[in-house]
Amino acid sequence: MIMAGILVSAFILDLLFGDPYWLPHPICLIGKMISKGEKMARRVFKKTPKGEFLGGMAMSIAIVLLCFIVPFLILWGLAKIHIALAVVVQVWCCYQIFAVRSLKTESMKVYTALKSGNLADARKYLSYIVGRDTQALSEEAVAKAAVETVAENTSDGVVAPLLYMAIGGAPLAFAYKAVNTLDSMIGYKNEKYLYFGRFAAKLDDVANWIPARLSGLFMIAASFLCGFDGKNAARIYRRDRRKHASPNSAQTESVCAGALGIQLAGNAYYFGKLYEKPTIGDEGRKTEAQDIPRANRLMMTTSALAVATAALVWLGFWLILR
């Protein structure tokens, strides 16, 4: 019963307030820990493929454990004082982990710039939320990349942390965000991180395997609720959900492409190097700026469905066990 209230309250707080820029964010703290941990690991372990792999693995495990243990001990200590205090702090922690409002806000900056005809600003705002090179992208490519990141982060930023919150509260959700942040910072297949970031990348694949597939199913249901092409979303999901180097990214991208009737993915440049990728979806029409708010509507409906389901499951457990 309490956990259901925590999940719903945290989700509502995120919808209302997002991530205030003036407030230090715990994910930024995790990022700083990773940067310092990388420097330390590279000093300690040998500069060989095996040494770099072991260094990256040791650092990743240490940071994930730390991100679980610290909030666990804080909440345990607060519960010893008063359970209500622990509940309030856990709601605050879970609110900080959700990324619905911030994902919509940042992607809509790209939309606003495109609608005003300012392609340079659209590329700049897009660079804040994607890892690919954006400086030479066309208007359509910018819109397509923004839609892709909204679709992909529906899982990474909402459904996945929600699942871990529902299982293990804020401590397990923070551990998941550590895994996710590690992958975003060191999980690259380039010269610097090919070996050092390999464990983090594989750990992220494992941590997101179930959440990504749940996200795809929730998004198909949301496609119908939003008035999009739910049947086509399900069709493209079945056909294209494996068309990505990551085993997870195409799960929601395929649904979004089918729901909106557009084609996503394809070749992209990262750090000046071209990476060839298969396309996802059928090009029924060109991707346009208006697809960004459409993708956000799909993301928010998917998120609400996932939160409602998690809360109902917890209420069901409470009714059965009480």
Protein backbone atom coordinates (compact mmCIF):
# COMPACT_ATOMS: atom_id res chain seq x y z
CA MET A 1 0.00 0.00 0.00
CA ILE A 2 2.76 2.43 0.98
CA MET A 3 4.89 1.60 -2.08
CA ALA A 4 1.91 2.18 -4.40
CA GLY A 5 1.50 5.64 -2.89
CA ILE A 6 5.23 6.33 -3.21
CA LEU A 7 5.28 5.43 -6.91
CA VAL A 8 2.23 7.51 -7.78
CA SER A 9 3.33 10.49 -5.67
CA ALA A 10 6.82 10.51 -7.17
CA PHE A 11 5.40 10.32 -10.70
CA ILE A 12 3.01 13.22 -10.06
CA LEU A 13 5.81 15.34 -8.57
CA ASP A 14 7.89 14.71 -11.70
CA LEU A 15 4.99 15.69 -13.96
CA LEU A 16 4.46 18.89 -11.97
CA PHE A 17 8.02 20.05 -11.36
CA GLY A 18 10.44 18.04 -13.49
CA ASP A 19 14.11 18.64 -12.64
CA PRO A 20 14.55 22.19 -11.28
CA TYR A 21 17.81 23.60 -12.67
CA TRP A 22 18.73 25.19 -9.33
CA LEU A 23 18.53 21.87 -7.47
CA PRO A 24 21.56 19.52 -7.46
CA HIS A 25 20.53 16.29 -9.19
CA PRO A 26 21.65 12.86 -7.87
CA ILE A 27 22.36 11.62 -11.40
CA CYS A 28 24.90 14.43 -11.79
CA LEU A 29 26.53 13.18 -8.60
CA ILE A 30 26.67 9.67 -10.05
CA GLY A 31 28.28 11.12 -13.19
CA LYS A 32 30.98 12.82 -11.12
CA MET A 33 31.61 9.57 -9.24
CA ILE A 34 32.08 7.77 -12.56
CA SER A 35 34.54 10.39 -13.83
CA LYS A 36 36.64 10.17 -10.66
CA GLY A 37 36.33 6.39 -10.55
CA GLU A 38 37.56 6.09 -14.12
CA LYS A 39 40.68 8.12 -13.37
CA MET A 40 41.40 5.99 -10.31
CA ALA A 41 40.80 2.69 -12.12
CA ARG A 42 43.02 3.67 -15.03
CA ARG A 43 45.83 4.48 -12.59
CA VAL A 44 45.49 1.19 -10.71
CA PHE A 45 44.94 -1.32 -13.52
CA LYS A 46 47.34 -2.15 -16.33
CA LYS A 47 46.94 -0.41 -19.69
CA THR A 48 46.27 -3.64 -21.54
CA PRO A 49 42.95 -4.92 -22.96
CA LYS A 50 42.55 -7.28 -19.99
CA GLY A 51 43.64 -4.62 -17.49
CA GLU A 52 41.25 -2.04 -18.92
CA PHE A 53 38.37 -4.53 -18.88
CA LEU A 54 39.05 -5.46 -15.25
CA GLY A 55 39.40 -1.81 -14.28
CA GLY A 56 36.10 -0.89 -15.90
CA MET A 57 34.38 -3.88 -14.32
CA ALA A 58 35.72 -3.12 -10.83
CA MET A 59 34.74 0.54 -11.08
CA SER A 60 31.26 -0.30 -12.41
CA ILE A 61 30.51 -2.82 -9.67
CA ALA A 62 31.78 -0.46 -6.96
CA ILE A 63 29.64 2.46 -8.15
CA VAL A 64 26.48 0.37 -8.57
CA LEU A 65 26.89 -1.11 -5.08
CA LEU A 66 27.58 2.32 -3.60
CA CYS A 67 24.47 3.76 -5.27
CA PHE A 68 22.40 1.01 -3.68
CA ILE A 69 23.98 0.89 -0.22
CA VAL A 70 24.04 4.64 0.54
CA PRO A 71 20.30 5.33 -0.03
CA PHE A 72 19.44 1.99 1.63
CA LEU A 73 21.29 2.96 4.80
CA ILE A 74 19.83 6.49 4.78
CA LEU A 75 16.26 5.19 4.43
CA TRP A 76 16.88 2.45 7.01
CA GLY A 77 18.16 5.03 9.49
CA LEU A 78 15.22 7.36 8.87
CA ALA A 79 12.76 4.50 9.33
CA LYS A 80 14.30 3.86 12.76
CA ILE A 81 13.43 7.45 13.67
CA HIS A 82 9.94 7.44 12.10
CA ILE A 83 8.46 5.53 9.16
CA ALA A 84 6.78 8.67 7.82
CA LEU A 85 10.15 10.39 7.52
CA ALA A 86 11.53 7.48 5.49
CA VAL A 87 8.45 7.52 3.23
CA VAL A 88 8.74 11.25 2.52
CA VAL A 89 12.44 10.96 1.66
CA GLN A 90 11.80 7.92 -0.52
CA VAL A 91 9.11 9.80 -2.44
CA TRP A 92 11.61 12.62 -2.99
CA CYS A 93 14.31 10.18 -4.16
CA CYS A 94 11.97 8.40 -6.57
CA TYR A 95 10.76 11.73 -7.93
CA GLN A 96 14.38 12.64 -8.70
CA ILE A 97 14.83 9.39 -10.63
CA PHE A 98 11.84 9.80 -12.97
CA ALA A 99 12.57 11.73 -16.18
CA VAL A 100 9.16 12.26 -17.82
CA ARG A 101 8.90 16.04 -17.48
CA SER A 102 12.57 16.71 -18.30
CA LEU A 103 12.48 14.45 -21.38
CA LYS A 104 9.45 16.29 -22.69
CA THR A 105 10.89 19.72 -21.85
CA GLU A 106 14.25 19.12 -23.52
CA SER A 107 12.81 17.50 -26.65
CA MET A 108 10.22 20.27 -27.03
CA LYS A 109 13.05 22.81 -27.17
CA VAL A 110 14.10 21.08 -30.40
CA TYR A 111 10.50 21.25 -31.65
CA THR A 112 10.15 24.96 -30.85
CA ALA A 113 13.40 25.77 -32.64
CA LEU A 114 12.35 23.77 -35.72
CA LYS A 115 8.92 25.43 -35.84
CA SER A 116 10.54 28.87 -35.68
CA GLY A 117 12.88 27.96 -38.55
CA ASN A 118 16.03 28.07 -36.42
CA LEU A 119 17.84 24.90 -37.49
CA ALA A 120 21.08 25.88 -35.73
CA ASP A 121 19.32 26.10 -32.34
CA ALA A 122 17.43 22.87 -33.05
CA ARG A 123 20.74 21.08 -33.67
CA LYS A 124 22.19 22.60 -30.48
CA TYR A 125 19.27 21.54 -28.29
CA LEU A 126 19.29 18.09 -29.87
CA SER A 127 22.98 17.68 -29.00
CA TYR A 128 22.03 17.96 -25.31
CA ILE A 129 19.85 14.82 -25.46
CA VAL A 130 21.52 12.53 -28.03
CA GLY A 131 24.99 11.06 -28.40
CA ARG A 132 25.31 11.43 -32.17
CA ASP A 133 26.86 14.31 -34.09
CA THR A 134 24.18 16.92 -34.81
CA GLN A 135 25.97 19.82 -36.51
CA ALA A 136 25.20 18.70 -40.09
CA LEU A 137 21.72 17.22 -39.65
CA SER A 138 18.81 18.33 -41.83
CA GLU A 139 15.47 19.44 -40.36
CA GLU A 140 14.02 15.98 -40.95
CA ALA A 141 17.04 14.25 -39.41
CA VAL A 142 16.84 16.50 -36.35
CA ALA A 143 13.14 15.72 -35.88
CA LYS A 144 13.80 12.02 -36.39
CA ALA A 145 16.62 11.96 -33.80
CA ALA A 146 14.45 13.79 -31.26
CA VAL A 147 11.60 11.31 -31.76
CA GLU A 148 14.04 8.40 -31.40
CA THR A 149 15.45 9.64 -28.11
CA VAL A 150 11.96 10.24 -26.67
CA ALA A 151 10.96 6.70 -27.68
CA GLU A 152 14.13 5.06 -26.35
CA ASN A 153 14.12 7.00 -23.09
CA THR A 154 10.53 6.01 -22.39
CA SER A 155 12.14 2.80 -21.19
CA ASP A 156 15.47 4.07 -19.82
CA GLY A 157 14.06 7.17 -18.12
CA VAL A 158 10.65 6.01 -16.94
CA VAL A 159 9.58 2.37 -17.18
CA ALA A 160 12.92 0.77 -16.23
CA PRO A 161 13.51 2.88 -13.09
CA LEU A 162 9.83 2.41 -12.22
CA LEU A 163 10.22 -1.38 -12.36
CA TYR A 164 13.26 -1.29 -10.09
CA MET A 165 11.51 1.14 -7.73
CA ALA A 166 8.55 -1.23 -7.51
CA ILE A 167 10.86 -4.15 -6.67
CA GLY A 168 13.41 -2.53 -4.37
CA GLY A 169 12.40 1.07 -3.75
CA ALA A 170 14.72 4.03 -4.28
CA PRO A 171 17.94 2.08 -3.49
CA LEU A 172 17.45 -0.41 -6.35
CA ALA A 173 16.29 2.39 -8.66
CA PHE A 174 19.45 4.36 -7.90
CA ALA A 175 21.52 1.25 -8.61
CA TYR A 176 19.76 0.97 -11.98
CA LYS A 177 20.44 4.65 -12.76
CA ALA A 178 24.09 4.04 -11.96
CA VAL A 179 24.14 1.22 -14.52
CA ASN A 180 22.39 3.43 -17.06
CA THR A 181 24.72 6.38 -16.44
CA LEU A 182 27.79 4.16 -16.66
CA ASP A 183 26.66 2.96 -20.08
CA SER A 184 25.97 6.50 -21.31
CA MET A 185 29.42 7.67 -20.19
CA ILE A 186 31.76 4.76 -20.90
CA GLY A 187 29.75 2.19 -22.85
CA TYR A 188 31.19 3.14 -26.26
CA LYS A 189 32.88 0.91 -28.83
CA ASN A 190 35.66 3.38 -29.55
CA GLU A 191 39.39 3.22 -28.89
CA LYS A 192 39.12 4.74 -25.43
CA TYR A 193 36.29 2.60 -24.07
CA LEU A 194 36.27 -0.59 -26.18
CA TYR A 195 37.61 -2.63 -23.25
CA PHE A 196 37.16 -0.28 -20.28
CA GLY A 197 33.44 0.22 -20.95
CA ARG A 198 32.55 -3.27 -22.16
CA PHE A 199 31.32 -4.58 -18.79
CA ALA A 200 29.18 -1.46 -18.22
CA ALA A 201 27.61 -1.79 -21.67
CA LYS A 202 26.77 -5.47 -21.14
CA LEU A 203 25.44 -4.77 -17.64
CA ASP A 204 23.14 -2.11 -19.08
CA ASP A 205 21.87 -4.57 -21.69
CA VAL A 206 21.00 -7.07 -18.96
CA ALA A 207 19.40 -4.48 -16.66
CA ASN A 208 17.20 -3.15 -19.46
CA TRP A 209 16.22 -6.45 -21.09
CA ILE A 210 12.90 -6.94 -19.27
CA PRO A 211 12.02 -3.22 -18.85
CA ALA A 212 12.52 -2.53 -22.57
CA ARG A 213 10.12 -5.29 -23.55
CA LEU A 214 7.55 -4.21 -20.99
CA SER A 215 7.91 -0.65 -22.31
CA GLY A 216 7.21 -1.84 -25.84
CA LEU A 217 4.02 -3.58 -24.75
CA PHE A 218 2.84 -0.59 -22.70
CA MET A 219 3.59 1.69 -25.67
CA ILE A 220 1.49 -0.45 -28.01
CA ALA A 221 -1.45 -0.07 -25.61
CA ALA A 222 -0.75 3.66 -25.36
CA SER A 223 -0.79 3.93 -29.16
CA PHE A 224 -4.44 2.92 -29.18
CA LEU A 225 -5.30 5.26 -26.29
CA CYS A 226 -3.60 8.19 -28.04
CA GLY A 227 -5.49 7.62 -31.27
CA PHE A 228 -2.38 6.59 -33.21
CA ASP A 229 -2.11 3.50 -35.41
CA GLY A 230 -1.96 0.84 -32.74
CA LYS A 231 -2.25 -2.06 -35.17
CA ASN A 232 0.70 -0.79 -37.20
CA ALA A 233 2.64 -0.16 -33.96
CA ALA A 234 2.20 -3.83 -33.04
CA ARG A 235 3.12 -4.95 -36.57
CA ILE A 236 6.33 -2.92 -36.74
CA TYR A 237 7.20 -4.00 -33.20
CA ARG A 238 7.01 -7.67 -34.15
CA ARG A 239 9.05 -7.07 -37.31
CA ASP A 240 11.69 -4.51 -36.27
CA ARG A 241 12.17 -4.81 -32.50
CA ARG A 242 15.53 -6.57 -33.00
CA LYS A 243 16.90 -4.21 -35.66
CA HIS A 244 19.44 -2.45 -33.46
CA ALA A 245 22.96 -3.18 -32.21
CA SER A 246 21.51 -2.93 -28.70
CA PRO A 247 19.08 -5.73 -27.80
CA ASN A 248 16.82 -3.16 -26.15
CA SER A 249 16.77 0.18 -27.99
CA ALA A 250 14.55 -0.91 -30.89
CA GLN A 251 11.83 -2.24 -28.59
CA THR A 252 10.22 1.17 -28.10
CA GLU A 253 11.61 2.82 -31.25
CA SER A 254 9.82 0.23 -33.39
CA VAL A 255 6.50 0.83 -31.63
CA CYS A 256 6.84 4.60 -31.97
CA ALA A 257 7.74 4.35 -35.66
CA GLY A 258 4.73 2.14 -36.33
CA ALA A 259 2.35 4.25 -34.28
CA LEU A 260 3.33 7.48 -36.05
CA GLY A 261 3.74 5.89 -39.50
CA ILE A 262 7.34 7.07 -39.94
CA GLN A 263 10.79 5.54 -40.35
CA LEU A 264 13.40 5.90 -37.61
CA ALA A 265 17.07 4.92 -37.08
CA GLY A 266 19.38 4.45 -40.07
CA ASN A 267 22.99 5.60 -40.46
CA ALA A 268 24.39 8.19 -38.03
CA TYR A 269 27.69 9.84 -37.18
CA TYR A 270 29.22 9.52 -33.70
CA PHE A 271 32.42 11.42 -32.87
CA GLY A 272 33.00 12.00 -36.59
CA LYS A 273 32.67 8.32 -37.54
CA LEU A 274 29.80 6.94 -39.63
CA TYR A 275 27.92 4.02 -38.09
CA GLU A 276 25.69 2.08 -40.44
CA LYS A 277 22.38 1.09 -38.86
CA PRO A 278 19.24 -0.55 -40.24
CA THR A 279 16.09 1.53 -40.49
CA ILE A 280 13.10 0.89 -38.24
CA GLY A 281 9.55 1.25 -39.53
CA ASP A 282 8.14 2.03 -42.97
CA GLU A 283 8.57 5.46 -44.51
CA GLY A 284 4.89 6.18 -45.00
CA ARG A 285 5.76 9.88 -44.84
CA LYS A 286 8.68 12.13 -43.95
CA THR A 287 9.36 12.73 -40.27
CA GLU A 288 8.33 16.28 -39.31
CA ALA A 289 8.69 18.58 -36.32
CA GLN A 290 5.13 17.81 -35.22
CA ASP A 291 6.17 14.20 -34.61
CA ILE A 292 8.13 15.36 -31.54
CA PRO A 293 5.03 16.37 -29.51
CA ARG A 294 3.29 13.25 -30.85
CA ALA A 295 6.12 11.09 -29.52
CA ASN A 296 5.92 12.93 -26.20
CA ARG A 297 2.18 12.24 -25.96
CA LEU A 298 2.91 8.58 -26.58
CA MET A 299 5.71 8.62 -23.99
CA MET A 300 3.58 10.25 -21.30
CA THR A 301 0.63 7.91 -21.88
CA THR A 302 2.96 4.90 -21.78
CA SER A 303 4.46 6.21 -18.53
CA ALA A 304 1.06 6.74 -16.92
CA LEU A 305 -0.03 3.22 -17.90
CA ALA A 306 3.15 1.72 -16.43
CA VAL A 307 2.84 3.65 -13.15
CA ALA A 308 -0.86 2.76 -12.82
CA THR A 309 -0.08 -0.92 -13.44
CA ALA A 310 2.76 -0.97 -10.88
CA ALA A 311 0.58 0.74 -8.28
CA LEU A 312 -2.29 -1.68 -8.91
CA VAL A 313 0.05 -4.67 -8.56
CA TRP A 314 1.26 -3.37 -5.21
CA LEU A 315 -2.34 -2.73 -4.09
CA GLY A 316 -3.20 -6.28 -5.12
CA PHE A 317 -0.35 -7.66 -3.00
CA TRP A 318 -1.51 -5.53 -0.08
CA LEU A 319 -5.10 -6.80 -0.33
CA ILE A 320 -3.95 -10.41 -0.56
CA LEU A 321 -1.43 -10.26 2.29
CA ARG A 322 -3.17 -7.97 4.75
